[in-house]
């Protein structure tokens, strides 16, 4: 169930990500943290 939600979220996220260049930096950070949290995988430390 969580994977289905994440796939739906990511597909929506990518579509809006590709259509709004002004939020590239912000969304890329959010997307990376979301994927890291979902998979338990993280290469960069969390920056707040």
N, C-alpha and C. Protein backbone atom coordinates (compact mmCIF):
# COMPACT_ATOMS: atom_id res chain seq x y z
N UNK A 1 0.84 -1.21 0.00
CA UNK A 1 0.00 0.00 0.00
C UNK A 1 0.87 1.25 0.00
N UNK A 2 1.89 1.23 0.82
CA UNK A 2 2.76 2.42 0.90
C UNK A 2 3.50 2.62 -0.42
N UNK A 3 3.89 1.53 -1.06
CA UNK A 3 4.60 1.67 -2.34
C UNK A 3 3.68 2.25 -3.40
N UNK A 4 2.41 1.85 -3.40
CA UNK A 4 1.46 2.39 -4.37
C UNK A 4 1.29 3.89 -4.15
N UNK A 5 1.17 4.29 -2.89
CA UNK A 5 1.04 5.71 -2.58
C UNK A 5 2.29 6.47 -2.99
N UNK A 6 3.46 5.89 -2.75
CA UNK A 6 4.70 6.57 -3.10
C UNK A 6 4.83 6.72 -4.61
N UNK A 7 4.42 5.68 -5.35
CA UNK A 7 4.49 5.76 -6.82
C UNK A 7 3.54 6.84 -7.33
N UNK A 8 2.34 6.89 -6.79
CA UNK A 8 1.39 7.91 -7.19
C UNK A 8 1.93 9.30 -6.86
N UNK A 9 2.49 9.42 -5.65
CA UNK A 9 3.05 10.70 -5.21
C UNK A 9 4.20 11.12 -6.11
N UNK A 10 5.10 10.17 -6.40
CA UNK A 10 6.27 10.50 -7.22
C UNK A 10 5.87 10.88 -8.64
N UNK A 11 4.90 10.18 -9.21
CA UNK A 11 4.48 10.51 -10.58
C UNK A 11 3.89 11.92 -10.63
N UNK A 12 3.07 12.25 -9.63
CA UNK A 12 2.50 13.60 -9.56
C UNK A 12 3.61 14.62 -9.30
N UNK A 13 4.54 14.23 -8.42
CA UNK A 13 5.64 15.11 -8.05
C UNK A 13 6.51 15.43 -9.26
N UNK A 14 6.83 14.39 -10.04
CA UNK A 14 7.68 14.59 -11.21
C UNK A 14 6.98 15.45 -12.25
N UNK A 15 5.68 15.25 -12.44
CA UNK A 15 4.96 16.03 -13.45
C UNK A 15 4.98 17.51 -13.08
N UNK A 16 4.74 17.82 -11.80
CA UNK A 16 4.76 19.21 -11.38
C UNK A 16 6.20 19.73 -11.33
N UNK A 17 7.14 18.83 -11.01
CA UNK A 17 8.55 19.19 -10.95
C UNK A 17 9.04 19.64 -12.33
N UNK A 18 8.60 18.92 -13.36
CA UNK A 18 9.05 19.23 -14.71
C UNK A 18 8.39 20.47 -15.27
N UNK A 19 7.23 20.83 -14.73
CA UNK A 19 6.51 21.96 -15.29
C UNK A 19 6.77 23.27 -14.55
N UNK A 20 7.46 23.20 -13.42
CA UNK A 20 7.73 24.43 -12.65
C UNK A 20 9.23 24.51 -12.35
N UNK A 21 9.95 25.23 -13.19
CA UNK A 21 11.40 25.30 -13.05
C UNK A 21 11.84 26.14 -11.87
N UNK A 22 10.98 27.04 -11.42
CA UNK A 22 11.38 27.95 -10.34
C UNK A 22 11.55 27.21 -9.02
N UNK A 23 10.87 26.06 -8.89
CA UNK A 23 10.93 25.31 -7.64
C UNK A 23 11.91 24.13 -7.72
N UNK A 24 12.77 24.12 -8.75
CA UNK A 24 13.68 22.99 -8.97
C UNK A 24 14.48 22.65 -7.73
N UNK A 25 15.16 23.64 -7.17
CA UNK A 25 16.05 23.38 -6.03
C UNK A 25 15.26 22.87 -4.83
N UNK A 26 14.16 23.55 -4.52
CA UNK A 26 13.34 23.18 -3.37
C UNK A 26 12.74 21.79 -3.54
N UNK A 27 12.17 21.53 -4.71
CA UNK A 27 11.52 20.24 -4.93
C UNK A 27 12.53 19.10 -5.01
N UNK A 28 13.70 19.35 -5.57
CA UNK A 28 14.69 18.29 -5.66
C UNK A 28 15.14 17.87 -4.27
N UNK A 29 15.28 18.83 -3.36
CA UNK A 29 15.64 18.50 -1.98
C UNK A 29 14.52 17.71 -1.31
N UNK A 30 13.29 18.16 -1.48
CA UNK A 30 12.15 17.47 -0.88
C UNK A 30 12.01 16.07 -1.45
N UNK A 31 12.16 15.95 -2.77
CA UNK A 31 12.01 14.66 -3.43
C UNK A 31 13.09 13.69 -2.95
N UNK A 32 14.32 14.19 -2.84
CA UNK A 32 15.41 13.33 -2.40
C UNK A 32 15.17 12.85 -0.97
N UNK A 33 14.75 13.76 -0.11
CA UNK A 33 14.49 13.38 1.29
C UNK A 33 13.32 12.41 1.37
N UNK A 34 12.30 12.61 0.53
CA UNK A 34 11.15 11.71 0.53
C UNK A 34 11.58 10.30 0.12
N UNK A 35 12.36 10.20 -0.95
CA UNK A 35 12.84 8.89 -1.42
C UNK A 35 13.73 8.25 -0.35
N UNK A 36 14.60 9.06 0.25
CA UNK A 36 15.50 8.54 1.28
C UNK A 36 14.71 8.00 2.47
N UNK A 37 13.65 8.72 2.85
CA UNK A 37 12.83 8.27 3.97
C UNK A 37 12.04 7.02 3.62
N UNK A 38 11.53 6.94 2.40
CA UNK A 38 10.72 5.80 2.00
C UNK A 38 11.57 4.54 1.88
N UNK A 39 12.80 4.69 1.41
CA UNK A 39 13.64 3.52 1.17
C UNK A 39 14.61 3.28 2.31
N UNK A 40 14.70 4.23 3.25
CA UNK A 40 15.66 4.09 4.33
C UNK A 40 17.08 4.30 3.84
N UNK A 41 17.20 4.97 2.70
CA UNK A 41 18.50 5.18 2.06
C UNK A 41 18.81 6.67 2.02
N UNK A 42 19.98 7.04 2.46
CA UNK A 42 20.32 8.46 2.46
C UNK A 42 21.82 8.63 2.20
N UNK A 43 22.17 9.44 1.22
CA UNK A 43 23.57 9.70 0.92
C UNK A 43 24.00 11.06 1.45
N UNK A 44 23.04 11.96 1.60
CA UNK A 44 23.39 13.29 2.10
C UNK A 44 22.74 13.50 3.46
N UNK A 45 23.38 14.23 4.36
CA UNK A 45 22.78 14.52 5.67
C UNK A 45 21.59 15.45 5.51
N UNK A 46 20.66 15.36 6.44
CA UNK A 46 19.49 16.23 6.38
C UNK A 46 19.90 17.66 6.74
N UNK A 47 19.46 18.59 5.90
CA UNK A 47 19.77 20.00 6.15
C UNK A 47 18.48 20.74 6.46
N UNK A 48 18.46 21.41 7.60
CA UNK A 48 17.23 22.12 7.97
C UNK A 48 17.44 23.63 7.97
